[in-house]
Amino acid sequence: MAGPKHPRHYEESFKRQIVQLYENGKPAREIKDEYDISHSTLHRWVQGIRNSGSTKAADNRTPEQNEPVELRKRNRQLEMEVDVSEQAAPVFARK
């Protein structure tokens, strides 16, 4: 079931085929209805291919948009390191 917590995942080749249909003149409404793709998804894929040649979000973000993403990743990494250190501390304290 697709939704915010369970989004659909499409292969890159499928995305490119859909964009090619749109670029060749097939109306967006027909594509959306036939392939059950939302307007925003189709628009995002088309813009991504036009802008960077890729439909991947990371390839289509500006450096300013990438910074919070990178910071969240770094924060998760540091939190994991702290958790490991906290779990290991009692082991090393016994020695």
PDB file of N, CA and C in Angstrom:
ATOM      1  N   MET A   1       0.848  -1.180   0.000  1.00  0.00           N
ATOM      2  CA  MET A   1       0.000   0.000   0.000  1.00  0.00           C
ATOM      3  C   MET A   1       0.889   1.237   0.000  1.00  0.00           C
ATOM      4  N   ALA A   2       0.707   2.098  -0.984  1.00  0.00           N
ATOM      5  CA  ALA A   2       1.502   3.317  -1.087  1.00  0.00           C
ATOM      6  C   ALA A   2       0.923   4.392  -0.184  1.00  0.00           C
ATOM      7  N   GLY A   3       1.769   5.184   0.361  1.00  0.00           N
ATOM      8  CA  GLY A   3       1.378   6.276   1.231  1.00  0.00           C
ATOM      9  C   GLY A   3       2.625   6.942   1.774  1.00  0.00           C
ATOM     10  N   PRO A   4       2.475   7.906   2.660  1.00  0.00           N
ATOM     11  CA  PRO A   4       3.644   8.608   3.186  1.00  0.00           C
ATOM     12  C   PRO A   4       4.660   7.689   3.859  1.00  0.00           C
ATOM     13  N   LYS A   5       4.186   6.671   4.561  1.00  0.00           N
ATOM     14  CA  LYS A   5       5.108   5.770   5.248  1.00  0.00           C
ATOM     15  C   LYS A   5       5.546   4.605   4.367  1.00  0.00           C
ATOM     16  N   HIS A   6       4.826   4.366   3.293  1.00  0.00           N
ATOM     17  CA  HIS A   6       5.145   3.273   2.379  1.00  0.00           C
ATOM     18  C   HIS A   6       5.067   3.779   0.936  1.00  0.00           C
ATOM     19  N   PRO A   7       6.034   4.621   0.537  1.00  0.00           N
ATOM     20  CA  PRO A   7       5.969   5.153  -0.825  1.00  0.00           C
ATOM     21  C   PRO A   7       6.278   4.068  -1.856  1.00  0.00           C
ATOM     22  N   ARG A   8       5.819   4.307  -3.051  1.00  0.00           N
ATOM     23  CA  ARG A   8       6.121   3.385  -4.143  1.00  0.00           C
ATOM     24  C   ARG A   8       7.551   3.629  -4.592  1.00  0.00           C
ATOM     25  N   HIS A   9       8.172   2.576  -5.062  1.00  0.00           N
ATOM     26  CA  HIS A   9       9.527   2.692  -5.592  1.00  0.00           C
ATOM     27  C   HIS A   9       9.504   2.212  -7.030  1.00  0.00           C
ATOM     28  N   TYR A  10      10.027   3.039  -7.914  1.00  0.00           N
ATOM     29  CA  TYR A  10      10.053   2.732  -9.336  1.00  0.00           C
ATOM     30  C   TYR A  10      11.495   2.574  -9.792  1.00  0.00           C
ATOM     31  N   GLU A  11      11.715   1.672 -10.716  1.00  0.00           N
ATOM     32  CA  GLU A  11      13.033   1.503 -11.314  1.00  0.00           C
ATOM     33  C   GLU A  11      13.363   2.725 -12.161  1.00  0.00           C
ATOM     34  N   GLU A  12      14.630   3.051 -12.228  1.00  0.00           N
ATOM     35  CA  GLU A  12      15.087   4.197 -13.022  1.00  0.00           C
ATOM     36  C   GLU A  12      14.663   4.041 -14.483  1.00  0.00           C
ATOM     37  N   SER A  13      14.752   2.823 -15.015  1.00  0.00           N
ATOM     38  CA  SER A  13      14.388   2.601 -16.418  1.00  0.00           C
ATOM     39  C   SER A  13      12.902   2.902 -16.651  1.00  0.00           C
ATOM     40  N   PHE A  14      12.055   2.550 -15.693  1.00  0.00           N
ATOM     41  CA  PHE A  14      10.623   2.841 -15.805  1.00  0.00           C
ATOM     42  C   PHE A  14      10.393   4.354 -15.818  1.00  0.00           C
ATOM     43  N   LYS A  15      11.074   5.056 -14.921  1.00  0.00           N
ATOM     44  CA  LYS A  15      10.929   6.513 -14.855  1.00  0.00           C
ATOM     45  C   LYS A  15      11.323   7.150 -16.183  1.00  0.00           C
ATOM     46  N   ARG A  16      12.430   6.683 -16.744  1.00  0.00           N
ATOM     47  CA  ARG A  16      12.898   7.231 -18.022  1.00  0.00           C
ATOM     48  C   ARG A  16      11.911   6.945 -19.150  1.00  0.00           C
ATOM     49  N   GLN A  17      11.297   5.773 -19.133  1.00  0.00           N
ATOM     50  CA  GLN A  17      10.294   5.441 -20.150  1.00  0.00           C
ATOM     51  C   GLN A  17       9.084   6.363 -20.039  1.00  0.00           C
ATOM     52  N   ILE A  18       8.654   6.634 -18.820  1.00  0.00           N
ATOM     53  CA  ILE A  18       7.512   7.515 -18.603  1.00  0.00           C
ATOM     54  C   ILE A  18       7.832   8.920 -19.091  1.00  0.00           C
ATOM     55  N   VAL A  19       9.024   9.409 -18.750  1.00  0.00           N
ATOM     56  CA  VAL A  19       9.434  10.751 -19.200  1.00  0.00           C
ATOM     57  C   VAL A  19       9.511  10.788 -20.723  1.00  0.00           C
ATOM     58  N   GLN A  20      10.006   9.717 -21.325  1.00  0.00           N
ATOM     59  CA  GLN A  20      10.096   9.668 -22.784  1.00  0.00           C
ATOM     60  C   GLN A  20       8.711   9.741 -23.421  1.00  0.00           C
ATOM     61  N   LEU A  21       7.742   9.053 -22.842  1.00  0.00           N
ATOM     62  CA  LEU A  21       6.368   9.145 -23.343  1.00  0.00           C
ATOM     63  C   LEU A  21       5.883  10.592 -23.314  1.00  0.00           C
ATOM     64  N   TYR A  22       6.136  11.257 -22.189  1.00  0.00           N
ATOM     65  CA  TYR A  22       5.718  12.653 -22.024  1.00  0.00           C
ATOM     66  C   TYR A  22       6.437  13.547 -23.033  1.00  0.00           C
ATOM     67  N   GLU A  23       7.737  13.354 -23.173  1.00  0.00           N
ATOM     68  CA  GLU A  23       8.531  14.174 -24.098  1.00  0.00           C
ATOM     69  C   GLU A  23       8.111  13.945 -25.552  1.00  0.00           C
ATOM     70  N   ASN A  24       7.610  12.751 -25.855  1.00  0.00           N
ATOM     71  CA  ASN A  24       7.160  12.445 -27.218  1.00  0.00           C
ATOM     72  C   ASN A  24       5.736  12.912 -27.499  1.00  0.00           C
ATOM     73  N   GLY A  25       5.133  13.597 -26.518  1.00  0.00           N
ATOM     74  CA  GLY A  25       3.844  14.212 -26.770  1.00  0.00           C
ATOM     75  C   GLY A  25       2.631  13.542 -26.149  1.00  0.00           C
ATOM     76  N   LYS A  26       2.810  12.464 -25.438  1.00  0.00           N
ATOM     77  CA  LYS A  26       1.652  11.835 -24.799  1.00  0.00           C
ATOM     78  C   LYS A  26       1.183  12.751 -23.669  1.00  0.00           C
ATOM     79  N   PRO A  27      -0.094  13.062 -23.615  1.00  0.00           N
ATOM     80  CA  PRO A  27      -0.600  13.972 -22.579  1.00  0.00           C
ATOM     81  C   PRO A  27      -0.373  13.431 -21.164  1.00  0.00           C
ATOM     82  N   ALA A  28      -0.027  14.351 -20.271  1.00  0.00           N
ATOM     83  CA  ALA A  28       0.242  13.985 -18.881  1.00  0.00           C
ATOM     84  C   ALA A  28      -0.947  13.267 -18.261  1.00  0.00           C
ATOM     85  N   ARG A  29      -2.149  13.717 -18.558  1.00  0.00           N
ATOM     86  CA  ARG A  29      -3.343  13.091 -17.983  1.00  0.00           C
ATOM     87  C   ARG A  29      -3.433  11.615 -18.372  1.00  0.00           C
ATOM     88  N   GLU A  30      -3.136  11.306 -19.623  1.00  0.00           N
ATOM     89  CA  GLU A  30      -3.179   9.909 -20.069  1.00  0.00           C
ATOM     90  C   GLU A  30      -2.109   9.076 -19.358  1.00  0.00           C
ATOM     91  N   ILE A  31      -0.915   9.642 -19.229  1.00  0.00           N
ATOM     92  CA  ILE A  31       0.167   8.929 -18.546  1.00  0.00           C
ATOM     93  C   ILE A  31      -0.211   8.669 -17.095  1.00  0.00           C
ATOM     94  N   LYS A  32      -0.713   9.698 -16.422  1.00  0.00           N
ATOM     95  CA  LYS A  32      -1.092   9.555 -15.014  1.00  0.00           C
ATOM     96  C   LYS A  32      -2.163   8.492 -14.840  1.00  0.00           C
ATOM     97  N   ASP A  33      -3.163   8.520 -15.714  1.00  0.00           N
ATOM     98  CA  ASP A  33      -4.260   7.551 -15.598  1.00  0.00           C
ATOM     99  C   ASP A  33      -3.803   6.133 -15.934  1.00  0.00           C
ATOM    100  N   GLU A  34      -3.021   6.000 -16.990  1.00  0.00           N
ATOM    101  CA  GLU A  34      -2.603   4.678 -17.451  1.00  0.00           C
ATOM    102  C   GLU A  34      -1.626   4.006 -16.480  1.00  0.00           C
ATOM    103  N   TYR A  35      -0.725   4.791 -15.905  1.00  0.00           N
ATOM    104  CA  TYR A  35       0.314   4.213 -15.050  1.00  0.00           C
ATOM    105  C   TYR A  35       0.105   4.493 -13.563  1.00  0.00           C
ATOM    106  N   ASP A  36      -0.990   5.146 -13.220  1.00  0.00           N
ATOM    107  CA  ASP A  36      -1.334   5.445 -11.826  1.00  0.00           C
ATOM    108  C   ASP A  36      -0.192   6.187 -11.118  1.00  0.00           C
ATOM    109  N   ILE A  37       0.232   7.275 -11.754  1.00  0.00           N
ATOM    110  CA  ILE A  37       1.298   8.116 -11.223  1.00  0.00           C
ATOM    111  C   ILE A  37       0.700   9.487 -10.943  1.00  0.00           C
ATOM    112  N   SER A  38       1.067  10.081  -9.818  1.00  0.00           N
ATOM    113  CA  SER A  38       0.528  11.400  -9.483  1.00  0.00           C
ATOM    114  C   SER A  38       1.147  12.472 -10.374  1.00  0.00           C
ATOM    115  N   HIS A  39       0.442  13.591 -10.447  1.00  0.00           N
ATOM    116  CA  HIS A  39       0.919  14.724 -11.242  1.00  0.00           C
ATOM    117  C   HIS A  39       2.280  15.194 -10.742  1.00  0.00           C
ATOM    118  N   SER A  40       2.437  15.288  -9.427  1.00  0.00           N
ATOM    119  CA  SER A  40       3.691  15.792  -8.865  1.00  0.00           C
ATOM    120  C   SER A  40       4.850  14.834  -9.152  1.00  0.00           C
ATOM    121  N   THR A  41       4.584  13.544  -9.133  1.00  0.00           N
ATOM    122  CA  THR A  41       5.629  12.569  -9.427  1.00  0.00           C
ATOM    123  C   THR A  41       6.082  12.695 -10.871  1.00  0.00           C
ATOM    124  N   LEU A  42       5.134  12.750 -11.778  1.00  0.00           N
ATOM    125  CA  LEU A  42       5.469  12.905 -13.195  1.00  0.00           C
ATOM    126  C   LEU A  42       6.249  14.194 -13.420  1.00  0.00           C
ATOM    127  N   HIS A  43       5.781  15.276 -12.835  1.00  0.00           N
ATOM    128  CA  HIS A  43       6.445  16.572 -12.997  1.00  0.00           C
ATOM    129  C   HIS A  43       7.874  16.513 -12.447  1.00  0.00           C
ATOM    130  N   ARG A  44       8.059  15.894 -11.289  1.00  0.00           N
ATOM    131  CA  ARG A  44       9.389  15.793 -10.672  1.00  0.00           C
ATOM    132  C   ARG A  44      10.340  14.991 -11.560  1.00  0.00           C
ATOM    133  N   TRP A  45       9.852  13.885 -12.132  1.00  0.00           N
ATOM    134  CA  TRP A  45      10.703  13.081 -13.009  1.00  0.00           C
ATOM    135  C   TRP A  45      11.088  13.853 -14.264  1.00  0.00           C
ATOM    136  N   VAL A  46      10.120  14.520 -14.870  1.00  0.00           N
ATOM    137  CA  VAL A  46      10.390  15.281 -16.089  1.00  0.00           C
ATOM    138  C   VAL A  46      11.400  16.393 -15.797  1.00  0.00           C
ATOM    139  N   GLN A  47      11.189  17.138 -14.720  1.00  0.00           N
ATOM    140  CA  GLN A  47      12.115  18.222 -14.384  1.00  0.00           C
ATOM    141  C   GLN A  47      13.496  17.682 -14.062  1.00  0.00           C
ATOM    142  N   GLY A  48      13.561  16.572 -13.353  1.00  0.00           N
ATOM    143  CA  GLY A  48      14.856  15.981 -13.020  1.00  0.00           C
ATOM    144  C   GLY A  48      15.640  15.589 -14.251  1.00  0.00           C
ATOM    145  N   ILE A  49      14.972  14.933 -15.191  1.00  0.00           N
ATOM    146  CA  ILE A  49      15.634  14.524 -16.432  1.00  0.00           C
ATOM    147  C   ILE A  49      16.080  15.755 -17.213  1.00  0.00           C
ATOM    148  N   ARG A  50      15.241  16.764 -17.278  1.00  0.00           N
ATOM    149  CA  ARG A  50      15.599  17.977 -18.011  1.00  0.00           C
ATOM    150  C   ARG A  50      16.755  18.718 -17.346  1.00  0.00           C
ATOM    151  N   ASN A  51      16.750  18.798 -16.024  1.00  0.00           N
ATOM    152  CA  ASN A  51      17.757  19.593 -15.314  1.00  0.00           C
ATOM    153  C   ASN A  51      19.105  18.899 -15.189  1.00  0.00           C
ATOM    154  N   SER A  52      19.092  17.628 -14.795  1.00  0.00           N
ATOM    155  CA  SER A  52      20.363  16.959 -14.511  1.00  0.00           C
ATOM    156  C   SER A  52      20.536  15.634 -15.238  1.00  0.00           C
ATOM    157  N   GLY A  53      19.512  15.205 -15.942  1.00  0.00           N
ATOM    158  CA  GLY A  53      19.589  13.914 -16.609  1.00  0.00           C
ATOM    159  C   GLY A  53      19.298  12.751 -15.684  1.00  0.00           C
ATOM    160  N   SER A  54      18.814  13.050 -14.477  1.00  0.00           N
ATOM    161  CA  SER A  54      18.556  12.001 -13.494  1.00  0.00           C
ATOM    162  C   SER A  54      17.232  12.260 -12.788  1.00  0.00           C
ATOM    163  N   THR A  55      16.577  11.182 -12.393  1.00  0.00           N
ATOM    164  CA  THR A  55      15.340  11.322 -11.619  1.00  0.00           C
ATOM    165  C   THR A  55      15.608  11.174 -10.130  1.00  0.00           C
ATOM    166  N   LYS A  56      16.845  10.924  -9.737  1.00  0.00           N
ATOM    167  CA  LYS A  56      17.179  10.746  -8.328  1.00  0.00           C
ATOM    168  C   LYS A  56      17.166  12.090  -7.618  1.00  0.00           C
ATOM    169  N   ALA A  57      16.518  12.134  -6.472  1.00  0.00           N
ATOM    170  CA  ALA A  57      16.375  13.390  -5.733  1.00  0.00           C
ATOM    171  C   ALA A  57      17.723  13.992  -5.383  1.00  0.00           C
ATOM    172  N   ALA A  58      18.674  13.176  -4.986  1.00  0.00           N
ATOM    173  CA  ALA A  58      19.984  13.690  -4.582  1.00  0.00           C
ATOM    174  C   ALA A  58      20.688  14.404  -5.730  1.00  0.00           C
ATOM    175  N   ASP A  59      20.448  13.965  -6.945  1.00  0.00           N
ATOM    176  CA  ASP A  59      21.082  14.586  -8.106  1.00  0.00           C
ATOM    177  C   ASP A  59      20.430  15.909  -8.477  1.00  0.00           C
ATOM    178  N   ASN A  60      19.251  16.156  -7.966  1.00  0.00           N
ATOM    179  CA  ASN A  60      18.491  17.338  -8.359  1.00  0.00           C
ATOM    180  C   ASN A  60      18.341  18.366  -7.255  1.00  0.00           C
ATOM    181  N   ARG A  61      19.056  18.187  -6.147  1.00  0.00           N
ATOM    182  CA  ARG A  61      19.001  19.161  -5.064  1.00  0.00           C
ATOM    183  C   ARG A  61      20.139  20.154  -5.201  1.00  0.00           C
ATOM    184  N   THR A  62      19.874  21.375  -4.760  1.00  0.00           N
ATOM    185  CA  THR A  62      20.913  22.392  -4.721  1.00  0.00           C
ATOM    186  C   THR A  62      21.821  22.119  -3.527  1.00  0.00           C
ATOM    187  N   PRO A  63      23.016  22.715  -3.494  1.00  0.00           N
ATOM    188  CA  PRO A  63      23.878  22.532  -2.312  1.00  0.00           C
ATOM    189  C   PRO A  63      23.190  22.968  -1.021  1.00  0.00           C
ATOM    190  N   GLU A  64      22.384  24.012  -1.094  1.00  0.00           N
ATOM    191  CA  GLU A  64      21.657  24.470   0.096  1.00  0.00           C
ATOM    192  C   GLU A  64      20.632  23.437   0.550  1.00  0.00           C
ATOM    193  N   GLN A  65      20.022  22.743  -0.383  1.00  0.00           N
ATOM    194  CA  GLN A  65      19.061  21.698  -0.036  1.00  0.00           C
ATOM    195  C   GLN A  65      19.768  20.442   0.464  1.00  0.00           C
ATOM    196  N   ASN A  66      20.977  20.195  -0.011  1.00  0.00           N
ATOM    197  CA  ASN A  66      21.733  19.014   0.418  1.00  0.00           C
ATOM    198  C   ASN A  66      22.287  19.151   1.827  1.00  0.00           C
ATOM    199  N   GLU A  67      22.569  20.374   2.260  1.00  0.00           N
ATOM    200  CA  GLU A  67      23.198  20.567   3.567  1.00  0.00           C
ATOM    201  C   GLU A  67      22.386  19.962   4.714  1.00  0.00           C
ATOM    202  N   PRO A  68      21.077  20.255   4.844  1.00  0.00           N
ATOM    203  CA  PRO A  68      20.329  19.634   5.950  1.00  0.00           C
ATOM    204  C   PRO A  68      20.288  18.109   5.854  1.00  0.00           C
ATOM    205  N   VAL A  69      20.250  17.583   4.654  1.00  0.00           N
ATOM    206  CA  VAL A  69      20.236  16.129   4.466  1.00  0.00           C
ATOM    207  C   VAL A  69      21.545  15.541   4.991  1.00  0.00           C
ATOM    208  N   GLU A  70      22.647  16.161   4.609  1.00  0.00           N
ATOM    209  CA  GLU A  70      23.950  15.685   5.058  1.00  0.00           C
ATOM    210  C   GLU A  70      24.104  15.831   6.575  1.00  0.00           C
ATOM    211  N   LEU A  71      23.601  16.928   7.120  1.00  0.00           N
ATOM    212  CA  LEU A  71      23.682  17.130   8.567  1.00  0.00           C
ATOM    213  C   LEU A  71      22.871  16.088   9.336  1.00  0.00           C
ATOM    214  N   ARG A  72      21.691  15.733   8.814  1.00  0.00           N
ATOM    215  CA  ARG A  72      20.879  14.702   9.463  1.00  0.00           C
ATOM    216  C   ARG A  72      21.606  13.351   9.426  1.00  0.00           C
ATOM    217  N   LYS A  73      22.236  13.041   8.284  1.00  0.00           N
ATOM    218  CA  LYS A  73      22.989  11.794   8.190  1.00  0.00           C
ATOM    219  C   LYS A  73      24.136  11.774   9.200  1.00  0.00           C
ATOM    220  N   ARG A  74      24.860  12.875   9.282  1.00  0.00           N
ATOM    221  CA  ARG A  74      25.980  12.963  10.217  1.00  0.00           C
ATOM    222  C   ARG A  74      25.493  12.851  11.661  1.00  0.00           C
ATOM    223  N   ASN A  75      24.364  13.485  11.948  1.00  0.00           N
ATOM    224  CA  ASN A  75      23.795  13.415  13.295  1.00  0.00           C
ATOM    225  C   ASN A  75      23.426  11.980  13.661  1.00  0.00           C
ATOM    226  N   ARG A  76      22.807  11.258  12.741  1.00  0.00           N
ATOM    227  CA  ARG A  76      22.459   9.845  12.990  1.00  0.00           C
ATOM    228  C   ARG A  76      23.722   9.017  13.251  1.00  0.00           C
ATOM    229  N   GLN A  77      24.767   9.283  12.471  1.00  0.00           N
ATOM    230  CA  GLN A  77      26.025   8.558  12.650  1.00  0.00           C
ATOM    231  C   GLN A  77      26.603   8.827  14.036  1.00  0.00           C
ATOM    232  N   LEU A  78      26.623  10.078  14.449  1.00  0.00           N
ATOM    233  CA  LEU A  78      27.160  10.430  15.763  1.00  0.00           C
ATOM    234  C   LEU A  78      26.316   9.843  16.892  1.00  0.00           C
ATOM    235  N   GLU A  79      24.996   9.833  16.717  1.00  0.00           N
ATOM    236  CA  GLU A  79      24.131   9.226  17.726  1.00  0.00           C
ATOM    237  C   GLU A  79      24.426   7.736  17.870  1.00  0.00           C
ATOM    238  N   MET A  80      24.671   7.054  16.761  1.00  0.00           N
ATOM    239  CA  MET A  80      25.004   5.633  16.817  1.00  0.00           C
ATOM    240  C   MET A  80      26.336   5.425  17.534  1.00  0.00           C
ATOM    241  N   GLU A  81      27.309   6.294  17.260  1.00  0.00           N
ATOM    242  CA  GLU A  81      28.607   6.173  17.916  1.00  0.00           C
ATOM    243  C   GLU A  81      28.480   6.389  19.423  1.00  0.00           C
ATOM    244  N   VAL A  82      27.650   7.335  19.840  1.00  0.00           N
ATOM    245  CA  VAL A  82      27.423   7.579  21.263  1.00  0.00           C
ATOM    246  C   VAL A  82      26.766   6.360  21.896  1.00  0.00           C
ATOM    247  N   ASP A  83      25.778   5.785  21.234  1.00  0.00           N
ATOM    248  CA  ASP A  83      25.106   4.589  21.761  1.00  0.00           C
ATOM    249  C   ASP A  83      26.095   3.444  21.963  1.00  0.00           C
ATOM    250  N   VAL A  84      26.959   3.229  20.980  1.00  0.00           N
ATOM    251  CA  VAL A  84      27.949   2.157  21.082  1.00  0.00           C
ATOM    252  C   VAL A  84      28.897   2.438  22.237  1.00  0.00           C
ATOM    253  N   SER A  85      29.336   3.693  22.357  1.00  0.00           N
ATOM    254  CA  SER A  85      30.250   4.064  23.455  1.00  0.00           C
ATOM    255  C   SER A  85      29.595   3.847  24.812  1.00  0.00           C
ATOM    256  N   GLU A  86      28.330   4.212  24.924  1.00  0.00           N
ATOM    257  CA  GLU A  86      27.625   4.034  26.197  1.00  0.00           C
ATOM    258  C   GLU A  86      27.471   2.568  26.546  1.00  0.00           C
ATOM    259  N   GLN A  87      27.261   1.732  25.556  1.00  0.00           N
ATOM    260  CA  GLN A  87      27.119   0.303  25.799  1.00  0.00           C
ATOM    261  C   GLN A  87      28.467  -0.332  26.123  1.00  0.00           C
ATOM    262  N   ALA A  88      29.536   0.194  25.555  1.00  0.00           N
ATOM    263  CA  ALA A  88      30.863  -0.374  25.778  1.00  0.00           C
ATOM    264  C   ALA A  88      31.496   0.117  27.076  1.00  0.00           C
ATOM    265  N   ALA A  89      31.093   1.265  27.565  1.00  0.00           N
ATOM    266  CA  ALA A  89      31.714   1.852  28.767  1.00  0.00           C
ATOM    267  C   ALA A  89      31.707   0.911  29.958  1.00  0.00           C
ATOM    268  N   PRO A  90      30.606   0.254  30.307  1.00  0.00           N
ATOM    269  CA  PRO A  90      30.625  -0.651  31.456  1.00  0.00           C
ATOM    270  C   PRO A  90      31.588  -1.818  31.280  1.00  0.00           C
ATOM    271  N   VAL A  91      31.760  -2.273  30.077  1.00  0.00           N
ATOM    272  CA  VAL A  91      32.667  -3.386  29.808  1.00  0.00           C
ATOM    273  C   VAL A  91      34.104  -2.961  30.110  1.00  0.00           C
ATOM    274  N   PHE A  92      34.479  -1.781  29.649  1.00  0.00           N
ATOM    275  CA  PHE A  92      35.840  -1.307  29.869  1.00  0.00           C
ATOM    276  C   PHE A  92      36.043  -0.843  31.305  1.00  0.00           C
ATOM    277  N   ALA A  93      35.012  -0.430  32.002  1.00  0.00           N
ATOM    278  CA  ALA A  93      35.135   0.021  33.378  1.00  0.00           C
ATOM    279  C   ALA A  93      35.457  -1.146  34.317  1.00  0.00           C
ATOM    280  N   ARG A  94      35.039  -2.351  33.975  1.00  0.00           N
ATOM    281  CA  ARG A  94      35.284  -3.539  34.807  1.00  0.00           C
ATOM    282  C   ARG A  94      36.739  -3.970  34.776  1.00  0.00           C
ATOM    283  N   LYS A  95      37.449  -3.590  33.768  1.00  0.00           N
ATOM    284  CA  LYS A  95      38.835  -4.072  33.610  1.00  0.00           C
ATOM    285  C   LYS A  95      39.817  -3.263  34.385  1.00  0.00           C
TER     286      LYS A  95
END
